[in-house]
Amino acid sequence: SLNDLLDNRKQRILNTIRNSEELRKGAIEQLERARARLRKVEMEADEYRMNGYSEIEREKQNLINATSNSLEQLENYKNETLQFEQQRVIN
């Protein structure tokens, strides 16, 4: 009968709406999980970047210190050599 057809049609429409609601909820949950993963990865990337910069700064400072020490040693060596030469000239 027409009533049965209409009831069936109404039932199918309600089922379709229910299914699409469930799909929508699932999609939203997936999106939230993806956003959370993205935030985590972004934080890790920032941390990695900061650690990288810190490492570079440390290396730069070590290089500056090593160069400074080398220059100081060269200066001392030069002065010792000059003193030695002056002593030789005097003697």
PDB file of N, CA and C in Angstrom:
ATOM      1  N   SER A   1       0.842  -1.208   0.000  1.00  0.00           N
ATOM      2  CA  SER A   1       0.000   0.000   0.000  1.00  0.00           C
ATOM      3  C   SER A   1       0.874   1.253   0.000  1.00  0.00           C
ATOM      4  N   LEU A   2       0.217   2.346  -0.281  1.00  0.00           N
ATOM      5  CA  LEU A   2       0.938   3.622  -0.365  1.00  0.00           C
ATOM      6  C   LEU A   2       1.550   3.997   0.982  1.00  0.00           C
ATOM      7  N   ASN A   3       0.816   3.724   2.044  1.00  0.00           N
ATOM      8  CA  ASN A   3       1.334   4.028   3.391  1.00  0.00           C
ATOM      9  C   ASN A   3       2.603   3.257   3.694  1.00  0.00           C
ATOM     10  N   ASP A   4       2.635   1.967   3.324  1.00  0.00           N
ATOM     11  CA  ASP A   4       3.818   1.150   3.542  1.00  0.00           C
ATOM     12  C   ASP A   4       5.000   1.693   2.743  1.00  0.00           C
ATOM     13  N   LEU A   5       4.742   2.054   1.491  1.00  0.00           N
ATOM     14  CA  LEU A   5       5.795   2.628   0.648  1.00  0.00           C
ATOM     15  C   LEU A   5       6.366   3.897   1.280  1.00  0.00           C
ATOM     16  N   LEU A   6       5.448   4.755   1.753  1.00  0.00           N
ATOM     17  CA  LEU A   6       5.883   6.016   2.386  1.00  0.00           C
ATOM     18  C   LEU A   6       6.661   5.736   3.666  1.00  0.00           C
ATOM     19  N   ASP A   7       6.181   4.761   4.445  1.00  0.00           N
ATOM     20  CA  ASP A   7       6.894   4.398   5.679  1.00  0.00           C
ATOM     21  C   ASP A   7       8.294   3.864   5.370  1.00  0.00           C
ATOM     22  N   ASN A   8       8.364   3.004   4.350  1.00  0.00           N
ATOM     23  CA  ASN A   8       9.674   2.468   3.943  1.00  0.00           C
ATOM     24  C   ASN A   8      10.604   3.586   3.506  1.00  0.00           C
ATOM     25  N   ARG A   9      10.052   4.467   2.694  1.00  0.00           N
ATOM     26  CA  ARG A   9      10.863   5.591   2.192  1.00  0.00           C
ATOM     27  C   ARG A   9      11.335   6.456   3.363  1.00  0.00           C
ATOM     28  N   LYS A  10      10.424   6.754   4.271  1.00  0.00           N
ATOM     29  CA  LYS A  10      10.760   7.562   5.449  1.00  0.00           C
ATOM     30  C   LYS A  10      11.845   6.869   6.276  1.00  0.00           C
ATOM     31  N   GLN A  11      11.725   5.559   6.438  1.00  0.00           N
ATOM     32  CA  GLN A  11      12.693   4.784   7.213  1.00  0.00           C
ATOM     33  C   GLN A  11      14.077   4.831   6.559  1.00  0.00           C
ATOM     34  N   ARG A  12      14.078   4.690   5.210  1.00  0.00           N
ATOM     35  CA  ARG A  12      15.348   4.731   4.482  1.00  0.00           C
ATOM     36  C   ARG A  12      16.004   6.110   4.627  1.00  0.00           C
ATOM     37  N   ILE A  13      15.205   7.148   4.535  1.00  0.00           N
ATOM     38  CA  ILE A  13      15.735   8.518   4.678  1.00  0.00           C
ATOM     39  C   ILE A  13      16.308   8.711   6.075  1.00  0.00           C
ATOM     40  N   LEU A  14      15.574   8.252   7.100  1.00  0.00           N
ATOM     41  CA  LEU A  14      16.059   8.373   8.485  1.00  0.00           C
ATOM     42  C   LEU A  14      17.358   7.595   8.677  1.00  0.00           C
ATOM     43  N   ASN A  15      17.419   6.391   8.089  1.00  0.00           N
ATOM     44  CA  ASN A  15      18.652   5.586   8.182  1.00  0.00           C
ATOM     45  C   ASN A  15      19.816   6.297   7.500  1.00  0.00           C
ATOM     46  N   THR A  16      19.553   6.878   6.328  1.00  0.00           N
ATOM     47  CA  THR A  16      20.595   7.604   5.604  1.00  0.00           C
ATOM     48  C   THR A  16      21.104   8.778   6.436  1.00  0.00           C
ATOM     49  N   ILE A  17      20.159   9.507   7.045  1.00  0.00           N
ATOM     50  CA  ILE A  17      20.542  10.653   7.898  1.00  0.00           C
ATOM     51  C   ILE A  17      21.379  10.170   9.078  1.00  0.00           C
ATOM     52  N   ARG A  18      20.942   9.068   9.717  1.00  0.00           N
ATOM     53  CA  ARG A  18      21.674   8.521  10.856  1.00  0.00           C
ATOM     54  C   ARG A  18      23.087   8.106  10.442  1.00  0.00           C
ATOM     55  N   ASN A  19      23.166   7.403   9.303  1.00  0.00           N
ATOM     56  CA  ASN A  19      24.479   6.969   8.800  1.00  0.00           C
ATOM     57  C   ASN A  19      25.386   8.157   8.508  1.00  0.00           C
ATOM     58  N   SER A  20      24.826   9.177   7.864  1.00  0.00           N
ATOM     59  CA  SER A  20      25.668  10.331   7.533  1.00  0.00           C
ATOM     60  C   SER A  20      26.089  11.079   8.792  1.00  0.00           C
ATOM     61  N   GLU A  21      25.242  11.091   9.817  1.00  0.00           N
ATOM     62  CA  GLU A  21      25.630  11.697  11.105  1.00  0.00           C
ATOM     63  C   GLU A  21      26.808  10.939  11.710  1.00  0.00           C
ATOM     64  N   GLU A  22      26.721   9.600  11.694  1.00  0.00           N
ATOM     65  CA  GLU A  22      27.818   8.793  12.236  1.00  0.00           C
ATOM     66  C   GLU A  22      29.098   9.018  11.444  1.00  0.00           C
ATOM     67  N   LEU A  23      28.968   9.074  10.108  1.00  0.00           N
ATOM     68  CA  LEU A  23      30.143   9.340   9.270  1.00  0.00           C
ATOM     69  C   LEU A  23      30.730  10.702   9.596  1.00  0.00           C
ATOM     70  N   ARG A  24      29.851  11.687   9.777  1.00  0.00           N
ATOM     71  CA  ARG A  24      30.305  13.042  10.097  1.00  0.00           C
ATOM     72  C   ARG A  24      31.069  13.053  11.424  1.00  0.00           C
ATOM     73  N   LYS A  25      30.499  12.370  12.442  1.00  0.00           N
ATOM     74  CA  LYS A  25      31.174  12.291  13.746  1.00  0.00           C
ATOM     75  C   LYS A  25      32.542  11.630  13.605  1.00  0.00           C
ATOM     76  N   GLY A  26      32.593  10.546  12.836  1.00  0.00           N
ATOM     77  CA  GLY A  26      33.866   9.843  12.610  1.00  0.00           C
ATOM     78  C   GLY A  26      34.873  10.747  11.927  1.00  0.00           C
ATOM     79  N   ALA A  27      34.398  11.493  10.928  1.00  0.00           N
ATOM     80  CA  ALA A  27      35.295  12.396  10.201  1.00  0.00           C
ATOM     81  C   ALA A  27      35.816  13.488  11.130  1.00  0.00           C
ATOM     82  N   ILE A  28      34.940  14.018  11.985  1.00  0.00           N
ATOM     83  CA  ILE A  28      35.358  15.068  12.932  1.00  0.00           C
ATOM     84  C   ILE A  28      36.395  14.515  13.908  1.00  0.00           C
ATOM     85  N   GLU A  29      36.169  13.286  14.396  1.00  0.00           N
ATOM     86  CA  GLU A  29      37.149  12.674  15.317  1.00  0.00           C
ATOM     87  C   GLU A  29      38.496  12.491  14.624  1.00  0.00           C
ATOM     88  N   GLN A  30      38.463  12.022  13.374  1.00  0.00           N
ATOM     89  CA  GLN A  30      39.716  11.854  12.616  1.00  0.00           C
ATOM     90  C   GLN A  30      40.423  13.196  12.447  1.00  0.00           C
ATOM     91  N   LEU A  31      39.640  14.214  12.142  1.00  0.00           N
ATOM     92  CA  LEU A  31      40.206  15.555  11.966  1.00  0.00           C
ATOM     93  C   LEU A  31      40.862  16.036  13.262  1.00  0.00           C
ATOM     94  N   GLU A  32      40.184  15.819  14.390  1.00  0.00           N
ATOM     95  CA  GLU A  32      40.755  16.227  15.684  1.00  0.00           C
ATOM     96  C   GLU A  32      42.058  15.485  15.966  1.00  0.00           C
ATOM     97  N   ARG A  33      42.057  14.171  15.670  1.00  0.00           N
ATOM     98  CA  ARG A  33      43.291  13.386  15.886  1.00  0.00           C
ATOM     99  C   ARG A  33      44.410  13.904  14.988  1.00  0.00           C
ATOM    100  N   ALA A  34      44.058  14.212  13.738  1.00  0.00           N
ATOM    101  CA  ALA A  34      45.067  14.723  12.811  1.00  0.00           C
ATOM    102  C   ALA A  34      45.606  16.072  13.295  1.00  0.00           C
ATOM    103  N   ARG A  35      44.705  16.922  13.800  1.00  0.00           N
ATOM    104  CA  ARG A  35      45.147  18.227  14.325  1.00  0.00           C
ATOM    105  C   ARG A  35      46.077  18.054  15.514  1.00  0.00           C
ATOM    106  N   ALA A  36      45.722  17.113  16.392  1.00  0.00           N
ATOM    107  CA  ALA A  36      46.560  16.852  17.568  1.00  0.00           C
ATOM    108  C   ALA A  36      47.942  16.360  17.130  1.00  0.00           C
ATOM    109  N   ARG A  37      47.962  15.453  16.143  1.00  0.00           N
ATOM    110  CA  ARG A  37      49.259  14.959  15.631  1.00  0.00           C
ATOM    111  C   ARG A  37      50.060  16.094  15.022  1.00  0.00           C
ATOM    112  N   LEU A  38      49.378  16.957  14.277  1.00  0.00           N
ATOM    113  CA  LEU A  38      50.060  18.095  13.643  1.00  0.00           C
ATOM    114  C   LEU A  38      50.675  19.009  14.703  1.00  0.00           C
ATOM    115  N   ARG A  39      49.893  19.300  15.764  1.00  0.00           N
ATOM    116  CA  ARG A  39      50.428  20.153  16.843  1.00  0.00           C
ATOM    117  C   ARG A  39      51.660  19.509  17.476  1.00  0.00           C
ATOM    118  N   LYS A  40      51.583  18.180  17.693  1.00  0.00           N
ATOM    119  CA  LYS A  40      52.713  17.464  18.295  1.00  0.00           C
ATOM    120  C   LYS A  40      53.943  17.559  17.396  1.00  0.00           C
ATOM    121  N   VAL A  41      53.742  17.324  16.096  1.00  0.00           N
ATOM    122  CA  VAL A  41      54.862  17.374  15.147  1.00  0.00           C
ATOM    123  C   VAL A  41      55.436  18.788  15.066  1.00  0.00           C
ATOM    124  N   GLU A  42      54.549  19.803  15.080  1.00  0.00           N
ATOM    125  CA  GLU A  42      55.033  21.190  15.040  1.00  0.00           C
ATOM    126  C   GLU A  42      55.866  21.507  16.272  1.00  0.00           C
ATOM    127  N   MET A  43      55.396  21.037  17.448  1.00  0.00           N
ATOM    128  CA  MET A  43      56.159  21.276  18.675  1.00  0.00           C
ATOM    129  C   MET A  43      57.518  20.584  18.612  1.00  0.00           C
ATOM    130  N   GLU A  44      57.515  19.333  18.115  1.00  0.00           N
ATOM    131  CA  GLU A  44      58.784  18.605  17.990  1.00  0.00           C
ATOM    132  C   GLU A  44      59.720  19.319  17.017  1.00  0.00           C
ATOM    133  N   ALA A  45      59.151  19.844  15.922  1.00  0.00           N
ATOM    134  CA  ALA A  45      59.973  20.562  14.939  1.00  0.00           C
ATOM    135  C   ALA A  45      60.575  21.816  15.562  1.00  0.00           C
ATOM    136  N   ASP A  46      59.753  22.545  16.342  1.00  0.00           N
ATOM    137  CA  ASP A  46      60.264  23.752  17.018  1.00  0.00           C
ATOM    138  C   ASP A  46      61.396  23.390  17.973  1.00  0.00           C
ATOM    139  N   GLU A  47      61.168  22.310  18.739  1.00  0.00           N
ATOM    140  CA  GLU A  47      62.176  21.873  19.707  1.00  0.00           C
ATOM    141  C   GLU A  47      63.470  21.485  18.981  1.00  0.00           C
ATOM    142  N   TYR A  48      63.315  20.752  17.879  1.00  0.00           N
ATOM    143  CA  TYR A  48      64.459  20.320  17.076  1.00  0.00           C
ATOM    144  C   TYR A  48      65.215  21.533  16.540  1.00  0.00           C
ATOM    145  N   ARG A  49      64.442  22.521  16.048  1.00  0.00           N
ATOM    146  CA  ARG A  49      65.044  23.738  15.505  1.00  0.00           C
ATOM    147  C   ARG A  49      65.818  24.472  16.599  1.00  0.00           C
ATOM    148  N   MET A  50      65.179  24.621  17.780  1.00  0.00           N
ATOM    149  CA  MET A  50      65.837  25.334  18.880  1.00  0.00           C
ATOM    150  C   MET A  50      67.109  24.607  19.313  1.00  0.00           C
ATOM    151  N   ASN A  51      67.015  23.267  19.405  1.00  0.00           N
ATOM    152  CA  ASN A  51      68.205  22.491  19.779  1.00  0.00           C
ATOM    153  C   ASN A  51      69.293  22.656  18.739  1.00  0.00           C
ATOM    154  N   GLY A  52      68.889  22.685  17.471  1.00  0.00           N
ATOM    155  CA  GLY A  52      69.852  22.880  16.385  1.00  0.00           C
ATOM    156  C   GLY A  52      70.548  24.220  16.512  1.00  0.00           C
ATOM    157  N   TYR A  53      69.758  25.275  16.770  1.00  0.00           N
ATOM    158  CA  TYR A  53      70.340  26.608  16.933  1.00  0.00           C
ATOM    159  C   TYR A  53      71.276  26.633  18.131  1.00  0.00           C
ATOM    160  N   SER A  54      70.858  26.000  19.221  1.00  0.00           N
ATOM    161  CA  SER A  54      71.703  25.966  20.422  1.00  0.00           C
ATOM    162  C   SER A  54      73.014  25.277  20.121  1.00  0.00           C
ATOM    163  N   GLU A  55      72.922  24.158  19.387  1.00  0.00           N
ATOM    164  CA  GLU A  55      74.120  23.396  19.023  1.00  0.00           C
ATOM    165  C   GLU A  55      75.052  24.253  18.172  1.00  0.00           C
ATOM    166  N   ILE A  56      74.485  24.965  17.198  1.00  0.00           N
ATOM    167  CA  ILE A  56      75.281  25.839  16.324  1.00  0.00           C
ATOM    168  C   ILE A  56      75.946  26.940  17.157  1.00  0.00           C
ATOM    169  N   GLU A  57      75.187  27.538  18.066  1.00  0.00           N
ATOM    170  CA  GLU A  57      75.752  28.592  18.932  1.00  0.00           C
ATOM    171  C   GLU A  57      76.901  28.043  19.769  1.00  0.00           C
ATOM    172  N   ARG A  58      76.691  26.819  20.311  1.00  0.00           N
ATOM    173  CA  ARG A  58      77.747  26.190  21.124  1.00  0.00           C
ATOM    174  C   ARG A  58      79.003  25.965  20.292  1.00  0.00           C
ATOM    175  N   GLU A  59      78.799  25.425  19.075  1.00  0.00           N
ATOM    176  CA  GLU A  59      79.944  25.171  18.191  1.00  0.00           C
ATOM    177  C   GLU A  59      80.658  26.477  17.854  1.00  0.00           C
ATOM    178  N   LYS A  60      79.864  27.519  17.577  1.00  0.00           N
ATOM    179  CA  LYS A  60      80.449  28.829  17.243  1.00  0.00           C
ATOM    180  C   LYS A  60      81.293  29.336  18.409  1.00  0.00           C
ATOM    181  N   GLN A  61      80.744  29.232  19.625  1.00  0.00           N
ATOM    182  CA  GLN A  61      81.454  29.709  20.813  1.00  0.00           C
ATOM    183  C   GLN A  61      82.735  28.907  21.024  1.00  0.00           C
ATOM    184  N   ASN A  62      82.650  27.587  20.817  1.00  0.00           N
ATOM    185  CA  ASN A  62      83.842  26.737  20.953  1.00  0.00           C
ATOM    186  C   ASN A  62      84.910  27.148  19.948  1.00  0.00           C
ATOM    187  N   LEU A  63      84.485  27.418  18.728  1.00  0.00           N
ATOM    188  CA  LEU A  63      85.432  27.829  17.680  1.00  0.00           C
ATOM    189  C   LEU A  63      86.078  29.164  18.040  1.00  0.00           C
ATOM    190  N   ILE A  64      85.244  30.106  18.518  1.00  0.00           N
ATOM    191  CA  ILE A  64      85.778  31.422  18.937  1.00  0.00           C
ATOM    192  C   ILE A  64      86.790  31.236  20.062  1.00  0.00           C
ATOM    193  N   ASN A  65      86.440  30.416  21.057  1.00  0.00           N
ATOM    194  CA  ASN A  65      87.357  30.181  22.184  1.00  0.00           C
ATOM    195  C   ASN A  65      88.658  29.530  21.725  1.00  0.00           C
ATOM    196  N   ALA A  66      88.527  28.524  20.860  1.00  0.00           N
ATOM    197  CA  ALA A  66      89.721  27.815  20.373  1.00  0.00           C
ATOM    198  C   ALA A  66      90.612  28.767  19.585  1.00  0.00           C
ATOM    199  N   THR A  67      90.003  29.594  18.733  1.00  0.00           N
ATOM    200  CA  THR A  67      90.776  30.562  17.941  1.00  0.00           C
ATOM    201  C   THR A  67      91.469  31.570  18.853  1.00  0.00           C
ATOM    202  N   SER A  68      90.716  32.036  19.853  1.00  0.00           N
ATOM    203  CA  SER A  68      91.268  32.994  20.810  1.00  0.00           C
ATOM    204  C   SER A  68      92.461  32.381  21.549  1.00  0.00           C
ATOM    205  N   ASN A  69      92.318  31.129  21.979  1.00  0.00           N
ATOM    206  CA  ASN A  69      93.427  30.442  22.665  1.00  0.00           C
ATOM    207  C   ASN A  69      94.631  30.296  21.742  1.00  0.00           C
ATOM    208  N   SER A  70      94.362  29.935  20.491  1.00  0.00           N
ATOM    209  CA  SER A  70      95.470  29.782  19.526  1.00  0.00           C
ATOM    210  C   SER A  70      96.201  31.101  19.333  1.00  0.00           C
ATOM    211  N   LEU A  71      95.435  32.192  19.191  1.00  0.00           N
ATOM    212  CA  LEU A  71      96.057  33.513  19.015  1.00  0.00           C
ATOM    213  C   LEU A  71      96.891  33.893  20.228  1.00  0.00           C
ATOM    214  N   GLU A  72      96.365  33.589  21.407  1.00  0.00           N
ATOM    215  CA  GLU A  72      97.085  33.893  22.643  1.00  0.00           C
ATOM    216  C   GLU A  72      98.399  33.112  22.702  1.00  0.00           C
ATOM    217  N   GLN A  73      98.331  31.824  22.329  1.00  0.00           N
ATOM    218  CA  GLN A  73      99.548  31.000  22.322  1.00  0.00           C
ATOM    219  C   GLN A  73     100.557  31.531  21.309  1.00  0.00           C
ATOM    220  N   LEU A  74     100.057  31.931  20.124  1.00  0.00           N
ATOM    221  CA  LEU A  74     100.958  32.492  19.107  1.00  0.00           C
ATOM    222  C   LEU A  74     101.613  33.776  19.607  1.00  0.00           C
ATOM    223  N   GLU A  75     100.814  34.620  20.263  1.00  0.00           N
ATOM    224  CA  GLU A  75     101.337  35.878  20.815  1.00  0.00           C
ATOM    225  C   GLU A  75     102.421  35.582  21.845  1.00  0.00           C
ATOM    226  N   ASN A  76     102.162  34.633  22.734  1.00  0.00           N
ATOM    227  CA  ASN A  76     103.161  34.243  23.746  1.00  0.00           C
ATOM    228  C   ASN A  76     104.421  33.705  23.089  1.00  0.00           C
ATOM    229  N   TYR A  77     104.223  32.853  22.078  1.00  0.00           N
ATOM    230  CA  TYR A  77     105.360  32.264  21.368  1.00  0.00           C
ATOM    231  C   TYR A  77     106.193  33.361  20.696  1.00  0.00           C
ATOM    232  N   LYS A  78     105.475  34.334  20.084  1.00  0.00           N
ATOM    233  CA  LYS A  78     106.167  35.451  19.417  1.00  0.00           C
ATOM    234  C   LYS A  78     106.987  36.246  20.433  1.00  0.00           C
ATOM    235  N   ASN A  79     106.373  36.536  21.570  1.00  0.00           N
ATOM    236  CA  ASN A  79     107.076  37.308  22.610  1.00  0.00           C
ATOM    237  C   ASN A  79     108.288  36.550  23.142  1.00  0.00           C
ATOM    238  N   GLU A  80     108.108  35.253  23.370  1.00  0.00           N
ATOM    239  CA  GLU A  80     109.241  34.440  23.849  1.00  0.00           C
ATOM    240  C   GLU A  80     110.370  34.446  22.826  1.00  0.00           C
ATOM    241  N   THR A  81     109.980  34.321  21.552  1.00  0.00           N
ATOM    242  CA  THR A  81     110.996  34.324  20.477  1.00  0.00           C
ATOM    243  C   THR A  81     111.734  35.655  20.439  1.00  0.00           C
ATOM    244  N   LEU A  82     110.964  36.767  20.555  1.00  0.00           N
ATOM    245  CA  LEU A  82     111.601  38.094  20.571  1.00  0.00           C
ATOM    246  C   LEU A  82     112.561  38.230  21.748  1.00  0.00           C
ATOM    247  N   GLN A  83     112.121  37.805  22.915  1.00  0.00           N
ATOM    248  CA  GLN A  83     112.973  37.884  24.099  1.00  0.00           C
ATOM    249  C   GLN A  83     114.240  37.053  23.897  1.00  0.00           C
ATOM    250  N   PHE A  84     114.052  35.885  23.330  1.00  0.00           N
ATOM    251  CA  PHE A  84     115.195  34.996  23.079  1.00  0.00           C
ATOM    252  C   PHE A  84     116.187  35.657  22.127  1.00  0.00           C
ATOM    253  N   GLU A  85     115.633  36.249  21.049  1.00  0.00           N
ATOM    254  CA  GLU A  85     116.505  36.929  20.056  1.00  0.00           C
ATOM    255  C   GLU A  85     117.215  38.119  20.693  1.00  0.00           C
ATOM    256  N   GLN A  86     116.482  38.881  21.529  1.00  0.00           N
ATOM    257  CA  GLN A  86     117.101  40.038  22.191  1.00  0.00           C
ATOM    258  C   GLN A  86     118.223  39.565  23.116  1.00  0.00           C
ATOM    259  N   GLN A  87     117.980  38.490  23.848  1.00  0.00           N
ATOM    260  CA  GLN A  87     119.004  37.940  24.736  1.00  0.00           C
ATOM    261  C   GLN A  87     120.236  37.551  23.944  1.00  0.00           C
ATOM    262  N   ARG A  88     119.971  36.934  22.764  1.00  0.00           N
ATOM    263  CA  ARG A  88     121.094  36.481  21.925  1.00  0.00           C
ATOM    264  C   ARG A  88     121.920  37.670  21.438  1.00  0.00           C
ATOM    265  N   VAL A  89     121.193  38.753  21.069  1.00  0.00           N
ATOM    266  CA  VAL A  89     121.894  39.949  20.575  1.00  0.00           C
ATOM    267  C   VAL A  89     122.712  40.560  21.721  1.00  0.00           C
ATOM    268  N   ILE A  90     122.122  40.617  22.905  1.00  0.00           N
ATOM    269  CA  ILE A  90     122.821  41.203  24.056  1.00  0.00           C
ATOM    270  C   ILE A  90     124.049  40.388  24.399  1.00  0.00           C
ATOM    271  N   ASN A  91     123.863  39.050  24.396  1.00  0.00           N
ATOM    272  CA  ASN A  91     124.991  38.188  24.737  1.00  0.00           C
ATOM    273  C   ASN A  91     125.856  38.039  23.508  1.00  0.00           C
TER     274      ASN A  91
END
